[in-house]
């Protein structure tokens, strides 16, 4: 007869999904846009993120971990989700505009970390925000590479 110890319960910190509208023009590092055109797209992404976060009624957070999921347009191609970092940056600035975070500097924000989601028509950017103040130091250490700021 083998006795096993009960598995420890893991309390997951609260997380929220902020899904920007599908069909929104997303910026990536491979595009070569005129600076005025790029600025218009940044404003659109930033405003969409701000309005979506406000509508979700996410509470004000002091520190957060954010990863973003890119759902690209359908097509059989290899994709690098990190290339969409300009879109993620604009969306996170929108979260600061909405009052979700006081700032997006390294003392307040862990990430943004890229993920590739399943392709959907029109493409979509999704932000997943997790409250760092609800995480244990051991959990944060798993998210943060050695030598990075805590």
N, C-alpha and C. Protein backbone atom coordinates (compact mmCIF):
# COMPACT_ATOMS: atom_id res chain seq x y z
N UNK A 1 0.85 -1.16 0.00
CA UNK A 1 0.00 0.00 0.00
C UNK A 1 0.90 1.23 0.00
N UNK A 2 0.64 2.14 -0.94
CA UNK A 2 1.43 3.37 -1.07
C UNK A 2 0.58 4.56 -0.66
N UNK A 3 1.13 5.32 0.23
CA UNK A 3 0.45 6.55 0.64
C UNK A 3 1.09 7.72 -0.09
N UNK A 4 0.26 8.58 -0.59
CA UNK A 4 0.77 9.79 -1.25
C UNK A 4 0.28 11.01 -0.50
N UNK A 5 1.13 11.95 -0.44
CA UNK A 5 0.75 13.20 0.22
C UNK A 5 -0.22 13.96 -0.68
N UNK A 6 -1.16 14.66 -0.09
CA UNK A 6 -2.07 15.45 -0.92
C UNK A 6 -1.30 16.55 -1.65
N UNK A 7 -1.71 16.82 -2.87
CA UNK A 7 -1.04 17.86 -3.65
C UNK A 7 -1.35 19.22 -3.04
N UNK A 8 -0.35 20.08 -2.98
CA UNK A 8 -0.61 21.41 -2.44
C UNK A 8 -1.56 22.18 -3.36
N UNK A 9 -2.40 22.96 -2.75
CA UNK A 9 -3.31 23.74 -3.56
C UNK A 9 -2.60 25.01 -4.02
N UNK A 10 -2.76 25.31 -5.26
CA UNK A 10 -2.15 26.49 -5.84
C UNK A 10 -3.26 27.53 -6.02
N UNK A 11 -3.08 28.64 -5.39
CA UNK A 11 -4.02 29.72 -5.55
C UNK A 11 -3.56 30.58 -6.71
N UNK A 12 -4.36 30.61 -7.74
CA UNK A 12 -4.00 31.39 -8.90
C UNK A 12 -4.36 32.85 -8.67
N UNK A 13 -3.45 33.74 -9.03
CA UNK A 13 -3.78 35.16 -8.91
C UNK A 13 -4.84 35.53 -9.95
N UNK A 14 -5.54 36.60 -9.68
CA UNK A 14 -6.60 37.01 -10.59
C UNK A 14 -6.02 37.54 -11.88
N UNK A 15 -6.62 37.15 -12.98
CA UNK A 15 -6.21 37.58 -14.32
C UNK A 15 -7.41 38.09 -15.10
N UNK A 16 -7.13 38.93 -16.06
CA UNK A 16 -8.18 39.48 -16.92
C UNK A 16 -7.72 39.40 -18.37
N UNK A 17 -8.65 39.12 -19.28
CA UNK A 17 -8.39 39.10 -20.72
C UNK A 17 -8.95 40.37 -21.33
N UNK A 18 -8.12 41.07 -22.06
CA UNK A 18 -8.55 42.27 -22.77
C UNK A 18 -8.43 41.97 -24.25
N UNK A 19 -9.56 41.76 -24.89
CA UNK A 19 -9.59 41.38 -26.30
C UNK A 19 -9.88 42.62 -27.14
N UNK A 20 -8.89 43.05 -27.89
CA UNK A 20 -9.10 44.17 -28.78
C UNK A 20 -9.96 43.72 -29.96
N UNK A 21 -10.63 44.64 -30.61
CA UNK A 21 -11.54 44.26 -31.71
C UNK A 21 -10.80 43.52 -32.83
N UNK A 22 -11.46 42.55 -33.41
CA UNK A 22 -10.87 41.88 -34.58
C UNK A 22 -10.89 42.85 -35.76
N UNK A 23 -9.95 42.66 -36.64
CA UNK A 23 -9.87 43.52 -37.82
C UNK A 23 -9.10 44.80 -37.59
N UNK A 24 -8.66 45.05 -36.36
CA UNK A 24 -7.85 46.23 -36.06
C UNK A 24 -6.49 46.08 -36.74
N UNK A 25 -6.02 47.13 -37.40
CA UNK A 25 -4.71 47.07 -38.05
C UNK A 25 -3.65 46.96 -36.98
N UNK A 26 -2.88 45.88 -37.00
CA UNK A 26 -1.84 45.65 -35.99
C UNK A 26 -0.46 45.94 -36.58
N UNK A 27 0.34 46.62 -35.79
CA UNK A 27 1.70 46.96 -36.22
C UNK A 27 2.65 45.81 -35.91
N UNK A 28 3.62 45.61 -36.80
CA UNK A 28 4.67 44.65 -36.49
C UNK A 28 6.02 45.22 -36.94
N UNK A 29 7.07 44.61 -36.47
CA UNK A 29 8.43 45.12 -36.73
C UNK A 29 8.84 45.00 -38.19
N UNK A 30 8.15 44.24 -38.98
CA UNK A 30 8.53 44.05 -40.38
C UNK A 30 7.94 45.11 -41.31
N UNK A 31 7.02 45.91 -40.81
CA UNK A 31 6.39 46.93 -41.66
C UNK A 31 7.28 48.15 -41.77
N UNK A 32 7.23 48.79 -42.90
CA UNK A 32 7.95 50.05 -43.11
C UNK A 32 6.91 51.10 -43.45
N UNK A 33 6.37 51.73 -42.41
CA UNK A 33 5.30 52.70 -42.58
C UNK A 33 5.83 54.12 -42.41
N UNK A 34 5.20 55.05 -43.08
CA UNK A 34 5.50 56.46 -42.86
C UNK A 34 5.17 56.78 -41.40
N UNK A 35 5.94 57.67 -40.78
CA UNK A 35 5.78 57.91 -39.34
C UNK A 35 4.39 58.44 -38.99
N UNK A 36 3.76 59.20 -39.88
CA UNK A 36 2.40 59.70 -39.59
C UNK A 36 1.38 58.57 -39.65
N UNK A 37 1.54 57.69 -40.61
CA UNK A 37 0.65 56.54 -40.73
C UNK A 37 0.80 55.64 -39.51
N UNK A 38 2.04 55.39 -39.12
CA UNK A 38 2.30 54.56 -37.94
C UNK A 38 1.70 55.20 -36.70
N UNK A 39 1.83 56.52 -36.55
CA UNK A 39 1.28 57.22 -35.39
C UNK A 39 -0.24 57.09 -35.32
N UNK A 40 -0.90 57.12 -36.45
CA UNK A 40 -2.37 56.95 -36.47
C UNK A 40 -2.76 55.56 -35.99
N UNK A 41 -2.02 54.55 -36.43
CA UNK A 41 -2.31 53.17 -36.01
C UNK A 41 -2.01 52.98 -34.52
N UNK A 42 -0.95 53.60 -34.03
CA UNK A 42 -0.64 53.53 -32.60
C UNK A 42 -1.77 54.14 -31.79
N UNK A 43 -2.25 55.30 -32.21
CA UNK A 43 -3.36 55.95 -31.50
C UNK A 43 -4.62 55.08 -31.50
N UNK A 44 -4.90 54.43 -32.63
CA UNK A 44 -6.08 53.58 -32.72
C UNK A 44 -5.98 52.40 -31.76
N UNK A 45 -4.84 51.73 -31.75
CA UNK A 45 -4.63 50.58 -30.85
C UNK A 45 -4.69 51.03 -29.40
N UNK A 46 -4.04 52.14 -29.10
CA UNK A 46 -4.01 52.67 -27.74
C UNK A 46 -5.42 53.02 -27.25
N UNK A 47 -6.20 53.69 -28.08
CA UNK A 47 -7.56 54.05 -27.71
C UNK A 47 -8.46 52.83 -27.55
N UNK A 48 -8.30 51.85 -28.45
CA UNK A 48 -9.10 50.62 -28.35
C UNK A 48 -8.80 49.89 -27.06
N UNK A 49 -7.53 49.82 -26.69
CA UNK A 49 -7.14 49.15 -25.46
C UNK A 49 -7.69 49.89 -24.24
N UNK A 50 -7.59 51.20 -24.25
CA UNK A 50 -8.09 52.02 -23.13
C UNK A 50 -9.59 51.82 -22.95
N UNK A 51 -10.35 51.90 -24.03
CA UNK A 51 -11.80 51.76 -23.94
C UNK A 51 -12.22 50.35 -23.54
N UNK A 52 -11.52 49.35 -24.06
CA UNK A 52 -11.84 47.96 -23.72
C UNK A 52 -11.54 47.68 -22.25
N UNK A 53 -10.44 48.19 -21.73
CA UNK A 53 -10.09 48.00 -20.32
C UNK A 53 -11.09 48.70 -19.41
N UNK A 54 -11.49 49.91 -19.78
CA UNK A 54 -12.49 50.62 -18.97
C UNK A 54 -13.83 49.89 -18.96
N UNK A 55 -14.23 49.38 -20.13
CA UNK A 55 -15.50 48.65 -20.22
C UNK A 55 -15.46 47.37 -19.39
N UNK A 56 -14.29 46.76 -19.26
CA UNK A 56 -14.15 45.51 -18.48
C UNK A 56 -14.16 45.77 -16.98
N UNK A 57 -14.04 47.03 -16.56
CA UNK A 57 -14.04 47.41 -15.15
C UNK A 57 -12.96 46.66 -14.35
N UNK A 58 -11.79 46.60 -14.90
CA UNK A 58 -10.66 45.97 -14.23
C UNK A 58 -10.18 46.92 -13.14
N UNK A 59 -9.93 46.43 -11.94
CA UNK A 59 -9.51 47.34 -10.87
C UNK A 59 -8.11 47.89 -11.12
N UNK A 60 -7.81 48.98 -10.46
CA UNK A 60 -6.49 49.60 -10.53
C UNK A 60 -5.47 48.65 -9.88
N UNK A 61 -4.38 48.38 -10.58
CA UNK A 61 -3.34 47.48 -10.09
C UNK A 61 -2.05 48.27 -9.88
N UNK A 62 -1.27 47.87 -8.90
CA UNK A 62 0.02 48.50 -8.67
C UNK A 62 1.11 47.87 -9.53
N UNK A 63 1.04 46.54 -9.69
CA UNK A 63 2.03 45.80 -10.48
C UNK A 63 1.31 44.69 -11.23
N UNK A 64 1.79 44.40 -12.43
CA UNK A 64 1.12 43.38 -13.23
C UNK A 64 2.11 42.64 -14.12
N UNK A 65 1.74 41.42 -14.44
CA UNK A 65 2.42 40.65 -15.48
C UNK A 65 1.47 40.64 -16.67
N UNK A 66 1.99 40.94 -17.85
CA UNK A 66 1.16 40.96 -19.05
C UNK A 66 1.81 40.10 -20.12
N UNK A 67 1.01 39.24 -20.71
CA UNK A 67 1.44 38.61 -21.94
C UNK A 67 0.38 38.88 -22.99
N UNK A 68 0.84 38.95 -24.22
CA UNK A 68 -0.10 39.22 -25.30
C UNK A 68 -0.14 38.03 -26.25
N UNK A 69 -1.33 37.80 -26.76
CA UNK A 69 -1.56 36.70 -27.70
C UNK A 69 -1.94 37.33 -29.03
N UNK A 70 -1.21 36.97 -30.06
CA UNK A 70 -1.52 37.42 -31.41
C UNK A 70 -2.27 36.30 -32.11
N UNK A 71 -3.47 36.63 -32.58
CA UNK A 71 -4.24 35.72 -33.42
C UNK A 71 -4.13 36.27 -34.85
N UNK A 72 -3.18 35.73 -35.64
CA UNK A 72 -2.94 36.29 -36.97
C UNK A 72 -4.02 35.91 -37.96
N UNK A 73 -3.96 36.54 -39.12
CA UNK A 73 -4.86 36.17 -40.21
C UNK A 73 -4.54 34.75 -40.63
N UNK A 74 -5.54 34.00 -41.12
CA UNK A 74 -5.28 32.63 -41.56
C UNK A 74 -4.29 32.59 -42.73
N UNK A 75 -3.56 31.54 -42.80
CA UNK A 75 -2.57 31.35 -43.86
C UNK A 75 -1.49 30.42 -43.34
N UNK A 76 -0.93 29.62 -44.22
CA UNK A 76 0.09 28.67 -43.81
C UNK A 76 1.47 29.32 -43.87
N UNK A 77 1.82 30.02 -42.79
CA UNK A 77 3.14 30.65 -42.71
C UNK A 77 3.66 30.49 -41.30
N UNK A 78 4.97 30.54 -41.21
CA UNK A 78 5.58 30.59 -39.88
C UNK A 78 5.51 32.03 -39.41
N UNK A 79 5.28 32.19 -38.11
CA UNK A 79 5.14 33.53 -37.57
C UNK A 79 5.96 33.68 -36.29
N UNK A 80 6.44 34.87 -36.06
CA UNK A 80 7.18 35.21 -34.86
C UNK A 80 6.32 36.18 -34.05
N UNK A 81 5.68 35.74 -32.96
CA UNK A 81 4.77 36.63 -32.23
C UNK A 81 5.45 37.85 -31.64
N UNK A 82 6.77 37.80 -31.42
CA UNK A 82 7.49 38.96 -30.91
C UNK A 82 7.52 40.13 -31.89
N UNK A 83 7.28 39.85 -33.17
CA UNK A 83 7.27 40.92 -34.16
C UNK A 83 6.13 41.91 -33.95
N UNK A 84 5.11 41.52 -33.22
CA UNK A 84 3.97 42.40 -32.98
C UNK A 84 4.16 43.25 -31.72
N UNK A 85 5.37 43.36 -31.22
CA UNK A 85 5.61 44.15 -30.01
C UNK A 85 5.19 45.61 -30.15
N UNK A 86 5.28 46.26 -31.32
CA UNK A 86 4.78 47.64 -31.40
C UNK A 86 3.28 47.74 -31.09
N UNK A 87 2.52 46.74 -31.51
CA UNK A 87 1.08 46.73 -31.19
C UNK A 87 0.87 46.51 -29.70
N UNK A 88 1.64 45.60 -29.10
CA UNK A 88 1.52 45.34 -27.67
C UNK A 88 1.89 46.57 -26.86
N UNK A 89 2.94 47.27 -27.27
CA UNK A 89 3.37 48.48 -26.56
C UNK A 89 2.26 49.54 -26.59
N UNK A 90 1.66 49.74 -27.75
CA UNK A 90 0.57 50.71 -27.87
C UNK A 90 -0.62 50.30 -27.00
N UNK A 91 -0.93 49.01 -26.98
CA UNK A 91 -2.06 48.52 -26.18
C UNK A 91 -1.77 48.69 -24.68
N UNK A 92 -0.55 48.45 -24.26
CA UNK A 92 -0.21 48.62 -22.84
C UNK A 92 -0.24 50.10 -22.45
N UNK A 93 0.18 50.96 -23.35
CA UNK A 93 0.05 52.40 -23.09
C UNK A 93 -1.43 52.77 -22.89
N UNK A 94 -2.31 52.10 -23.63
CA UNK A 94 -3.75 52.31 -23.45
C UNK A 94 -4.22 51.87 -22.08
N UNK A 95 -3.63 50.81 -21.53
CA UNK A 95 -3.99 50.36 -20.18
C UNK A 95 -3.57 51.40 -19.14
N UNK A 96 -2.42 52.04 -19.36
CA UNK A 96 -1.99 53.11 -18.46
C UNK A 96 -2.94 54.29 -18.59
N UNK A 97 -3.35 54.62 -19.81
CA UNK A 97 -4.31 55.70 -20.03
C UNK A 97 -5.63 55.43 -19.31
N UNK A 98 -6.03 54.15 -19.26
CA UNK A 98 -7.29 53.77 -18.61
C UNK A 98 -7.16 53.76 -17.09
N UNK A 99 -5.96 53.91 -16.56
CA UNK A 99 -5.75 53.91 -15.12
C UNK A 99 -5.57 52.53 -14.53
N UNK A 100 -5.39 51.53 -15.38
CA UNK A 100 -5.19 50.16 -14.89
C UNK A 100 -3.86 50.05 -14.15
N UNK A 101 -2.82 50.68 -14.68
CA UNK A 101 -1.49 50.72 -14.05
C UNK A 101 -1.04 52.17 -13.94
N UNK A 102 -0.27 52.50 -12.89
CA UNK A 102 0.23 53.86 -12.78
C UNK A 102 1.26 54.19 -13.86
N UNK A 103 2.01 53.19 -14.30
CA UNK A 103 3.04 53.38 -15.32
C UNK A 103 3.38 52.01 -15.89
N UNK A 104 4.08 51.99 -17.02
CA UNK A 104 4.47 50.70 -17.61
C UNK A 104 5.98 50.50 -17.55
N UNK A 105 6.61 51.07 -16.53
CA UNK A 105 8.05 50.87 -16.38
C UNK A 105 8.34 49.51 -15.73
N UNK A 106 9.60 49.17 -15.60
CA UNK A 106 9.99 47.84 -15.13
C UNK A 106 9.67 47.60 -13.66
N UNK A 107 9.39 48.64 -12.89
CA UNK A 107 9.02 48.43 -11.48
C UNK A 107 7.55 48.06 -11.35
N UNK A 108 6.76 48.32 -12.37
CA UNK A 108 5.31 48.08 -12.31
C UNK A 108 4.85 46.94 -13.22
N UNK A 109 5.65 46.66 -14.26
CA UNK A 109 5.19 45.74 -15.29
C UNK A 109 6.24 44.66 -15.55
N UNK A 110 5.79 43.43 -15.52
CA UNK A 110 6.60 42.28 -15.93
C UNK A 110 6.07 41.85 -17.29
N UNK A 111 6.88 41.93 -18.29
CA UNK A 111 6.43 41.63 -19.65
C UNK A 111 6.50 42.89 -20.49
N UNK A 112 5.85 42.92 -21.60
CA UNK A 112 4.90 41.97 -22.15
C UNK A 112 5.60 40.79 -22.83
N UNK A 113 5.05 39.63 -22.62
CA UNK A 113 5.58 38.40 -23.20
C UNK A 113 4.69 37.97 -24.36
N UNK A 114 5.27 37.65 -25.52
CA UNK A 114 4.47 37.29 -26.68
C UNK A 114 4.06 35.82 -26.71
N UNK A 115 2.87 35.58 -27.24
CA UNK A 115 2.37 34.23 -27.50
C UNK A 115 1.68 34.25 -28.87
N UNK A 116 1.67 33.12 -29.53
CA UNK A 116 0.98 33.00 -30.81
C UNK A 116 -0.28 32.19 -30.61
N UNK A 117 -1.41 32.78 -30.95
CA UNK A 117 -2.69 32.09 -30.85
C UNK A 117 -3.10 31.51 -32.19
N UNK A 118 -4.26 30.93 -32.21
CA UNK A 118 -4.76 30.34 -33.45
C UNK A 118 -5.19 31.45 -34.41
N UNK A 119 -4.99 31.22 -35.70
CA UNK A 119 -5.38 32.23 -36.68
C UNK A 119 -6.89 32.46 -36.68
N UNK A 120 -7.29 33.72 -36.85
CA UNK A 120 -8.70 34.07 -37.00
C UNK A 120 -8.82 35.11 -38.11
N UNK A 121 -9.96 35.16 -38.73
CA UNK A 121 -10.20 36.13 -39.80
C UNK A 121 -10.11 37.54 -39.22
N UNK A 122 -9.31 38.39 -39.84
CA UNK A 122 -9.19 39.76 -39.40
C UNK A 122 -8.10 40.00 -38.40
N UNK A 123 -7.53 38.99 -37.81
CA UNK A 123 -6.49 39.04 -36.77
C UNK A 123 -6.98 39.75 -35.52
N UNK A 124 -6.31 39.48 -34.41
CA UNK A 124 -6.72 40.07 -33.13
C UNK A 124 -5.55 40.05 -32.16
N UNK A 125 -5.52 41.07 -31.30
CA UNK A 125 -4.55 41.16 -30.21
C UNK A 125 -5.31 41.01 -28.90
N UNK A 126 -4.83 40.10 -28.05
CA UNK A 126 -5.44 39.86 -26.75
C UNK A 126 -4.36 40.05 -25.69
N UNK A 127 -4.67 40.84 -24.67
CA UNK A 127 -3.76 41.02 -23.54
C UNK A 127 -4.29 40.23 -22.36
N UNK A 128 -3.40 39.54 -21.66
CA UNK A 128 -3.77 38.83 -20.44
C UNK A 128 -2.99 39.49 -19.31
N UNK A 129 -3.73 40.10 -18.39
CA UNK A 129 -3.15 40.89 -17.30
C UNK A 129 -3.34 40.13 -16.00
N UNK A 130 -2.26 39.92 -15.26
CA UNK A 130 -2.30 39.22 -13.98
C UNK A 130 -1.76 40.13 -12.89
N UNK A 131 -2.46 40.18 -11.78
CA UNK A 131 -2.07 41.02 -10.64
C UNK A 131 -0.86 40.41 -9.96
N UNK A 132 0.28 41.09 -10.03
CA UNK A 132 1.51 40.58 -9.40
C UNK A 132 1.45 40.63 -7.88
N UNK A 133 0.68 41.53 -7.32
CA UNK A 133 0.60 41.63 -5.87
C UNK A 133 -0.13 40.45 -5.24
N UNK A 134 -0.80 39.63 -6.04
CA UNK A 134 -1.46 38.43 -5.54
C UNK A 134 -0.58 37.19 -5.70
N UNK A 135 0.60 37.36 -6.27
CA UNK A 135 1.51 36.22 -6.49
C UNK A 135 2.51 36.11 -5.36
N UNK A 136 2.92 34.89 -5.11
CA UNK A 136 3.98 34.66 -4.14
C UNK A 136 5.32 34.97 -4.79
N UNK A 137 6.35 35.29 -4.00
CA UNK A 137 7.67 35.54 -4.58
C UNK A 137 8.19 34.35 -5.40
N UNK A 138 7.86 33.14 -4.99
CA UNK A 138 8.31 31.96 -5.74
C UNK A 138 7.66 31.93 -7.12
N UNK A 139 6.39 32.31 -7.20
CA UNK A 139 5.69 32.32 -8.47
C UNK A 139 6.27 33.39 -9.39
N UNK A 140 6.56 34.56 -8.83
CA UNK A 140 7.14 35.64 -9.63
C UNK A 140 8.52 35.22 -10.14
N UNK A 141 9.27 34.50 -9.32
CA UNK A 141 10.59 34.03 -9.74
C UNK A 141 10.50 33.11 -10.94
N UNK A 142 9.43 32.36 -11.07
CA UNK A 142 9.25 31.49 -12.23
C UNK A 142 8.99 32.30 -13.49
N UNK A 143 8.33 33.44 -13.35
CA UNK A 143 8.04 34.30 -14.50
C UNK A 143 9.21 35.17 -14.90
N UNK A 144 10.02 35.52 -13.92
CA UNK A 144 11.11 36.46 -14.12
C UNK A 144 12.42 35.70 -14.25
N UNK A 145 13.17 35.92 -15.31
CA UNK A 145 14.44 35.20 -15.47
C UNK A 145 15.46 35.62 -14.42
N UNK A 146 16.44 34.76 -14.11
CA UNK A 146 17.46 35.10 -13.11
C UNK A 146 18.20 36.38 -13.51
N UNK A 147 18.44 37.23 -12.52
CA UNK A 147 19.16 38.46 -12.76
C UNK A 147 18.29 39.63 -13.19
N UNK A 148 17.01 39.38 -13.47
CA UNK A 148 16.10 40.46 -13.87
C UNK A 148 15.58 41.18 -12.64
N UNK A 149 15.14 42.42 -12.77
CA UNK A 149 14.62 43.15 -11.61
C UNK A 149 13.38 42.49 -11.05
N UNK A 150 13.17 42.61 -9.75
CA UNK A 150 12.02 41.98 -9.11
C UNK A 150 10.88 42.94 -8.94
